[in-house]
């Protein structure tokens, strides 16, 4: 699982407004002990996210995911079935906003 911030482009499947910055989680199915930052970026870009800034990454287990909300659980399952999934959160406030 990768934590990132990115800027939405038109056509993103989450329906976010182009130009908005959002936090996101990127789930990649994998069985290695290292992290594939390039693949995480490819997955986000394929869903029309740019200007990506990655934070932490970590491995998660089904037991850890079982304690999370339904969106996270569904995205974890999607990643296991399809290879990847992206969870996008509400837009981030820009400096100077409110």
N, C-alpha and C. Protein backbone atom coordinates (compact mmCIF):
# COMPACT_ATOMS: atom_id res chain seq x y z
N UNK A 1 0.85 -1.16 0.00
CA UNK A 1 0.00 0.00 0.00
C UNK A 1 0.90 1.22 0.00
N UNK A 2 0.57 2.18 -0.84
CA UNK A 2 1.35 3.40 -0.99
C UNK A 2 0.47 4.60 -0.66
N UNK A 3 1.03 5.55 0.07
CA UNK A 3 0.34 6.79 0.38
C UNK A 3 0.90 7.85 -0.56
N UNK A 4 -0.01 8.62 -1.20
CA UNK A 4 0.46 9.63 -2.15
C UNK A 4 -0.50 10.81 -2.15
N UNK A 5 -0.03 11.90 -2.72
CA UNK A 5 -0.86 13.06 -3.03
C UNK A 5 -0.69 13.30 -4.51
N UNK A 6 -1.81 13.57 -5.20
CA UNK A 6 -1.74 13.81 -6.62
C UNK A 6 -2.76 14.84 -7.07
N UNK A 7 -2.60 15.29 -8.28
CA UNK A 7 -3.50 16.27 -8.89
C UNK A 7 -4.35 15.54 -9.93
N UNK A 8 -5.66 15.75 -9.84
CA UNK A 8 -6.60 15.10 -10.76
C UNK A 8 -6.50 15.71 -12.15
N UNK A 9 -6.61 14.84 -13.15
CA UNK A 9 -6.80 15.26 -14.53
C UNK A 9 -8.21 14.91 -14.93
N UNK A 10 -8.72 15.55 -15.97
CA UNK A 10 -10.03 15.20 -16.50
C UNK A 10 -10.05 13.72 -16.86
N UNK A 11 -11.18 13.09 -16.61
CA UNK A 11 -11.36 11.69 -16.97
C UNK A 11 -10.98 10.71 -15.89
N UNK A 12 -10.61 11.20 -14.70
CA UNK A 12 -10.26 10.25 -13.64
C UNK A 12 -11.52 9.49 -13.23
N UNK A 13 -11.39 8.18 -12.95
CA UNK A 13 -12.57 7.36 -12.66
C UNK A 13 -13.26 7.69 -11.35
N UNK A 14 -12.59 8.46 -10.49
CA UNK A 14 -13.22 8.85 -9.23
C UNK A 14 -14.13 10.06 -9.37
N UNK A 15 -14.10 10.71 -10.54
CA UNK A 15 -14.96 11.86 -10.80
C UNK A 15 -14.50 13.14 -10.11
N UNK A 16 -13.23 13.23 -9.77
CA UNK A 16 -12.71 14.43 -9.11
C UNK A 16 -12.51 15.54 -10.13
N UNK A 17 -12.59 16.77 -9.66
CA UNK A 17 -12.44 17.94 -10.51
C UNK A 17 -10.97 18.07 -10.94
N UNK A 18 -10.76 18.28 -12.23
CA UNK A 18 -9.40 18.45 -12.74
C UNK A 18 -8.72 19.61 -12.03
N UNK A 19 -7.47 19.39 -11.62
CA UNK A 19 -6.70 20.42 -10.94
C UNK A 19 -6.73 20.32 -9.42
N UNK A 20 -7.68 19.57 -8.88
CA UNK A 20 -7.74 19.40 -7.42
C UNK A 20 -6.64 18.45 -6.95
N UNK A 21 -6.11 18.74 -5.76
CA UNK A 21 -5.12 17.86 -5.12
C UNK A 21 -5.84 16.98 -4.12
N UNK A 22 -5.49 15.71 -4.13
CA UNK A 22 -6.12 14.73 -3.24
C UNK A 22 -5.07 13.80 -2.64
N UNK A 23 -5.32 13.38 -1.42
CA UNK A 23 -4.57 12.26 -0.85
C UNK A 23 -5.15 10.99 -1.41
N UNK A 24 -4.32 9.96 -1.49
CA UNK A 24 -4.82 8.69 -2.00
C UNK A 24 -4.00 7.54 -1.43
N UNK A 25 -4.60 6.39 -1.47
CA UNK A 25 -3.91 5.14 -1.18
C UNK A 25 -3.90 4.33 -2.46
N UNK A 26 -2.76 3.76 -2.76
CA UNK A 26 -2.63 2.91 -3.94
C UNK A 26 -2.28 1.52 -3.45
N UNK A 27 -3.14 0.58 -3.78
CA UNK A 27 -2.92 -0.82 -3.40
C UNK A 27 -2.35 -1.56 -4.60
N UNK A 28 -1.27 -2.29 -4.40
CA UNK A 28 -0.71 -3.16 -5.42
C UNK A 28 -0.64 -4.57 -4.85
N UNK A 29 -1.12 -5.52 -5.60
CA UNK A 29 -0.97 -6.91 -5.18
C UNK A 29 0.45 -7.33 -5.50
N UNK A 30 1.10 -7.91 -4.54
CA UNK A 30 2.48 -8.35 -4.75
C UNK A 30 2.91 -9.28 -3.65
N UNK A 31 3.88 -10.04 -3.97
CA UNK A 31 4.34 -11.03 -3.00
C UNK A 31 5.83 -10.88 -2.75
N UNK A 32 6.37 -9.70 -3.07
CA UNK A 32 7.78 -9.44 -2.84
C UNK A 32 7.93 -8.63 -1.56
N UNK A 33 9.14 -8.55 -1.09
CA UNK A 33 9.41 -7.78 0.13
C UNK A 33 9.88 -6.37 -0.16
N UNK A 34 9.98 -6.01 -1.43
CA UNK A 34 10.39 -4.65 -1.77
C UNK A 34 9.20 -3.89 -2.34
N UNK A 35 9.37 -2.60 -2.55
CA UNK A 35 8.27 -1.77 -3.02
C UNK A 35 8.52 -1.35 -4.47
N UNK A 36 7.46 -1.37 -5.27
CA UNK A 36 7.56 -1.04 -6.68
C UNK A 36 6.95 0.36 -6.89
N UNK A 37 7.75 1.37 -6.58
CA UNK A 37 7.28 2.76 -6.67
C UNK A 37 6.90 3.10 -8.11
N UNK A 38 7.63 2.59 -9.06
CA UNK A 38 7.34 2.87 -10.47
C UNK A 38 5.96 2.33 -10.86
N UNK A 39 5.64 1.14 -10.39
CA UNK A 39 4.32 0.56 -10.69
C UNK A 39 3.22 1.34 -10.00
N UNK A 40 3.44 1.78 -8.77
CA UNK A 40 2.44 2.58 -8.07
C UNK A 40 2.16 3.87 -8.84
N UNK A 41 3.22 4.49 -9.35
CA UNK A 41 3.03 5.71 -10.15
C UNK A 41 2.30 5.40 -11.45
N UNK A 42 2.64 4.30 -12.10
CA UNK A 42 1.97 3.92 -13.35
C UNK A 42 0.48 3.72 -13.12
N UNK A 43 0.12 3.06 -12.03
CA UNK A 43 -1.29 2.81 -11.72
C UNK A 43 -2.02 4.14 -11.52
N UNK A 44 -1.43 5.05 -10.76
CA UNK A 44 -2.08 6.35 -10.52
C UNK A 44 -2.21 7.15 -11.81
N UNK A 45 -1.16 7.17 -12.60
CA UNK A 45 -1.20 7.93 -13.87
C UNK A 45 -2.23 7.34 -14.83
N UNK A 46 -2.38 6.04 -14.83
CA UNK A 46 -3.37 5.40 -15.70
C UNK A 46 -4.79 5.82 -15.33
N UNK A 47 -4.97 6.26 -14.09
CA UNK A 47 -6.28 6.74 -13.65
C UNK A 47 -6.34 8.27 -13.65
N UNK A 48 -5.46 8.89 -14.41
CA UNK A 48 -5.45 10.35 -14.63
C UNK A 48 -5.10 11.14 -13.38
N UNK A 49 -4.03 10.72 -12.70
CA UNK A 49 -3.48 11.47 -11.57
C UNK A 49 -2.05 11.84 -11.91
N UNK A 50 -1.70 13.11 -11.71
CA UNK A 50 -0.37 13.62 -12.06
C UNK A 50 0.24 14.35 -10.87
N UNK A 51 1.45 14.85 -11.05
CA UNK A 51 2.17 15.58 -10.00
C UNK A 51 2.14 14.80 -8.68
N UNK A 52 2.45 13.53 -8.78
CA UNK A 52 2.37 12.64 -7.62
C UNK A 52 3.53 12.86 -6.66
N UNK A 53 3.19 12.90 -5.39
CA UNK A 53 4.18 12.99 -4.32
C UNK A 53 3.92 11.80 -3.41
N UNK A 54 4.86 10.89 -3.35
CA UNK A 54 4.68 9.70 -2.53
C UNK A 54 5.20 9.92 -1.13
N UNK A 55 4.48 9.33 -0.18
CA UNK A 55 4.89 9.35 1.22
C UNK A 55 5.35 7.97 1.60
N UNK A 56 4.69 7.40 2.55
CA UNK A 56 5.06 6.09 3.06
C UNK A 56 4.49 4.96 2.21
N UNK A 57 5.10 3.82 2.36
CA UNK A 57 4.59 2.59 1.77
C UNK A 57 4.71 1.51 2.83
N UNK A 58 3.83 0.55 2.75
CA UNK A 58 3.90 -0.54 3.71
C UNK A 58 3.09 -1.72 3.23
N UNK A 59 3.44 -2.86 3.76
CA UNK A 59 2.69 -4.06 3.44
C UNK A 59 1.55 -4.19 4.44
N UNK A 60 0.40 -4.63 3.95
CA UNK A 60 -0.76 -4.83 4.82
C UNK A 60 -1.24 -6.27 4.67
N UNK A 61 -1.80 -6.76 5.74
CA UNK A 61 -2.30 -8.14 5.76
C UNK A 61 -3.82 -8.13 5.75
N UNK A 62 -4.43 -9.23 5.37
CA UNK A 62 -5.89 -9.31 5.43
C UNK A 62 -6.42 -9.02 6.84
N UNK A 63 -5.70 -9.43 7.87
CA UNK A 63 -6.15 -9.16 9.24
C UNK A 63 -6.18 -7.66 9.53
N UNK A 64 -5.18 -6.93 9.04
CA UNK A 64 -5.15 -5.48 9.23
C UNK A 64 -6.29 -4.81 8.46
N UNK A 65 -6.53 -5.27 7.26
CA UNK A 65 -7.58 -4.69 6.42
C UNK A 65 -8.96 -4.98 7.00
N UNK A 66 -9.14 -6.11 7.63
CA UNK A 66 -10.44 -6.48 8.20
C UNK A 66 -10.93 -5.45 9.22
N UNK A 67 -10.01 -4.70 9.81
CA UNK A 67 -10.36 -3.70 10.81
C UNK A 67 -10.70 -2.34 10.19
N UNK A 68 -10.57 -2.21 8.88
CA UNK A 68 -10.78 -0.92 8.20
C UNK A 68 -12.21 -0.79 7.69
N UNK A 69 -12.51 0.40 7.14
CA UNK A 69 -13.87 0.64 6.63
C UNK A 69 -14.11 -0.14 5.34
N UNK A 70 -15.35 -0.13 4.89
CA UNK A 70 -15.77 -0.93 3.73
C UNK A 70 -15.03 -0.53 2.46
N UNK A 71 -14.73 0.76 2.28
CA UNK A 71 -14.03 1.20 1.08
C UNK A 71 -12.63 0.61 1.01
N UNK A 72 -11.93 0.62 2.12
CA UNK A 72 -10.57 0.06 2.16
C UNK A 72 -10.62 -1.45 1.94
N UNK A 73 -11.56 -2.12 2.59
CA UNK A 73 -11.68 -3.58 2.41
C UNK A 73 -11.97 -3.93 0.95
N UNK A 74 -12.88 -3.19 0.32
CA UNK A 74 -13.23 -3.45 -1.08
C UNK A 74 -12.04 -3.18 -2.00
N UNK A 75 -11.28 -2.14 -1.73
CA UNK A 75 -10.12 -1.81 -2.56
C UNK A 75 -9.02 -2.85 -2.39
N UNK A 76 -8.84 -3.35 -1.20
CA UNK A 76 -7.87 -4.42 -0.96
C UNK A 76 -8.24 -5.66 -1.77
N UNK A 77 -9.53 -6.03 -1.74
CA UNK A 77 -9.99 -7.18 -2.52
C UNK A 77 -9.80 -6.93 -4.01
N UNK A 78 -10.12 -5.71 -4.46
CA UNK A 78 -9.95 -5.38 -5.88
C UNK A 78 -8.49 -5.53 -6.30
N UNK A 79 -7.57 -5.08 -5.45
CA UNK A 79 -6.15 -5.20 -5.77
C UNK A 79 -5.73 -6.66 -5.86
N UNK A 80 -6.26 -7.49 -4.98
CA UNK A 80 -5.93 -8.91 -5.04
C UNK A 80 -6.46 -9.55 -6.31
N UNK A 81 -7.64 -9.11 -6.75
CA UNK A 81 -8.26 -9.69 -7.95
C UNK A 81 -7.73 -9.08 -9.25
N UNK A 82 -7.55 -7.77 -9.26
CA UNK A 82 -7.19 -7.08 -10.50
C UNK A 82 -5.73 -6.62 -10.55
N UNK A 83 -5.03 -6.70 -9.43
CA UNK A 83 -3.63 -6.30 -9.39
C UNK A 83 -3.38 -4.95 -8.75
N UNK A 84 -4.41 -4.08 -8.76
CA UNK A 84 -4.24 -2.76 -8.15
C UNK A 84 -5.59 -2.12 -7.87
N UNK A 85 -5.57 -1.12 -7.01
CA UNK A 85 -6.76 -0.32 -6.71
C UNK A 85 -6.30 1.01 -6.13
N UNK A 86 -7.11 2.04 -6.33
CA UNK A 86 -6.79 3.38 -5.82
C UNK A 86 -7.97 3.89 -5.02
N UNK A 87 -7.69 4.38 -3.82
CA UNK A 87 -8.70 5.04 -2.97
C UNK A 87 -8.33 6.51 -2.92
N UNK A 88 -9.25 7.37 -3.30
CA UNK A 88 -9.00 8.81 -3.32
C UNK A 88 -9.86 9.47 -2.26
N UNK A 89 -9.25 10.36 -1.50
CA UNK A 89 -9.94 11.06 -0.42
C UNK A 89 -10.38 12.45 -0.87
N UNK A 90 -11.10 13.16 -0.03
CA UNK A 90 -11.60 14.51 -0.33
C UNK A 90 -10.45 15.43 -0.71
N UNK A 91 -10.75 16.48 -1.49
CA UNK A 91 -9.69 17.40 -1.92
C UNK A 91 -8.96 18.01 -0.72
N UNK A 92 -7.68 18.26 -0.90
CA UNK A 92 -6.88 18.92 0.12
C UNK A 92 -7.07 20.43 0.01
N UNK A 93 -7.09 21.08 1.15
CA UNK A 93 -7.16 22.54 1.15
C UNK A 93 -5.81 23.09 0.70
N UNK A 94 -5.84 24.08 -0.14
CA UNK A 94 -4.60 24.72 -0.60
C UNK A 94 -4.19 25.78 0.40
N UNK A 95 -2.93 26.13 0.43
CA UNK A 95 -2.43 27.18 1.31
C UNK A 95 -3.22 28.46 1.03
N UNK A 96 -3.67 29.09 2.08
CA UNK A 96 -4.43 30.31 1.92
C UNK A 96 -5.93 30.10 1.88
N UNK A 97 -6.38 28.82 1.76
CA UNK A 97 -7.82 28.52 1.80
C UNK A 97 -8.26 28.45 3.24
N UNK A 98 -9.24 29.28 3.60
CA UNK A 98 -9.89 29.26 4.89
C UNK A 98 -8.99 29.24 6.04
